[in-house]
Protein backbone atom coordinates (compact mmCIF):
# COMPACT_ATOMS: atom_id res chain seq x y z
CA MET A 1 -7.88 -2.76 -31.59
CA ALA A 2 -4.08 -2.44 -31.62
CA PHE A 3 -4.32 1.03 -30.06
CA PHE A 4 -6.52 -0.36 -27.28
CA ARG A 5 -3.97 -3.10 -26.53
CA LEU A 6 -1.13 -0.58 -26.57
CA ARG A 7 -3.08 1.65 -24.22
CA LEU A 8 -3.32 -1.21 -21.72
CA VAL A 9 0.21 -2.50 -22.15
CA ALA A 10 2.10 0.82 -22.03
CA PRO A 11 1.24 1.62 -18.38
CA LEU A 12 2.19 -1.89 -17.31
CA LEU A 13 5.52 -1.62 -19.09
CA SER A 14 6.18 1.69 -17.33
CA VAL A 15 5.58 0.07 -13.94
CA ILE A 16 7.77 -2.93 -14.80
CA ILE A 17 10.64 -0.67 -15.84
CA VAL A 18 10.38 1.28 -12.62
CA LEU A 19 10.26 -1.89 -10.54
CA LEU A 20 13.30 -3.30 -12.30
CA ALA A 21 15.20 -0.32 -10.94
CA ALA A 22 14.29 -1.40 -7.37
CA PRO A 23 17.60 -3.20 -6.69
CA CYS A 24 19.46 0.04 -7.40
CA ALA A 25 17.17 1.95 -5.07
CA ALA A 26 17.52 -0.74 -2.41
CA GLN A 27 21.28 -0.27 -2.00
CA ASN A 28 22.54 1.32 1.21
CA LEU A 29 19.69 -0.05 3.31
CA GLY A 30 21.97 -0.01 6.34
CA SER A 31 21.38 3.69 7.00
CA ARG A 32 18.59 4.76 9.33
CA ARG A 33 16.86 7.00 6.80
CA THR A 34 13.62 5.68 5.37
CA ARG A 35 13.94 5.01 1.68
CA TYR A 36 11.22 4.93 -0.92
CA LEU A 37 10.65 3.45 -4.33
CA SER A 38 8.49 5.74 -6.41
CA GLY A 39 7.41 6.10 -9.99
CA PHE A 40 4.51 7.07 -12.15
CA VAL A 41 1.92 5.42 -14.36
CA LYS A 42 0.94 6.98 -17.67
CA ASP A 43 -1.30 5.95 -20.54
CA ALA A 44 -0.07 5.46 -24.12
CA LEU A 45 -0.41 9.20 -24.78
CA GLY A 46 1.69 10.14 -21.76
CA ARG A 47 -1.19 11.31 -19.59
CA PRO A 48 -1.03 10.40 -15.88
CA LEU A 49 -3.34 7.62 -14.69
CA ALA A 50 -4.80 8.62 -11.34
CA GLY A 51 -6.23 5.93 -9.09
CA SER A 52 -4.20 3.08 -10.61
CA ASN A 53 -3.29 0.23 -8.27
CA VAL A 54 0.39 -0.70 -8.25
CA THR A 55 1.73 -3.85 -6.55
CA LEU A 56 5.31 -4.48 -5.49
CA LYS A 57 6.06 -8.22 -5.39
CA SER A 58 9.04 -10.27 -4.32
CA ILE A 59 10.82 -12.54 -6.77
CA ASP A 60 8.76 -15.48 -5.52
CA GLY A 61 5.51 -13.60 -6.11
CA ARG A 62 4.66 -12.51 -2.55
CA VAL A 63 2.95 -9.13 -2.35
CA LEU A 64 5.26 -6.78 -0.45
CA ARG A 65 3.43 -3.48 -0.85
CA THR A 66 0.50 -1.94 -2.66
CA ALA A 67 -0.06 1.69 -3.58
CA THR A 68 -2.52 3.81 -5.50
CA THR A 69 -1.41 6.55 -7.85
CA ASP A 70 -2.30 10.13 -7.01
CA SER A 71 -3.78 12.73 -9.38
CA ARG A 72 -0.38 13.03 -11.11
CA GLY A 73 -0.07 9.26 -11.59
CA VAL A 74 2.66 9.03 -8.93
CA PHE A 75 3.01 6.09 -6.53
CA ARG A 76 5.41 5.56 -3.64
CA PHE A 77 6.44 2.48 -1.66
CA LYS A 78 8.40 2.45 1.58
CA GLU A 79 11.32 0.05 1.40
CA PRO A 80 10.12 -3.51 2.09
CA GLY A 81 12.05 -3.72 5.38
CA ALA A 82 10.68 -0.40 6.67
CA GLY A 83 7.42 -1.79 8.01
């Protein structure tokens, strides 16, 4: 049972860690280049989780972007102000 819980929690922790890095990635938004926030989702054994839904939310809980991981578990968001 503990392994099952860990298997569910580990991917969520990975996403949270990546999203906490968003303020660093969001610096220099004044340039005209499109910027992205990307990361990956893995299970507790380190295998990529394809087809996982990832949601980027604002501090107040509004959904800013959604993405689905590819076959390598990778997701990518355009910067929130990029449309």
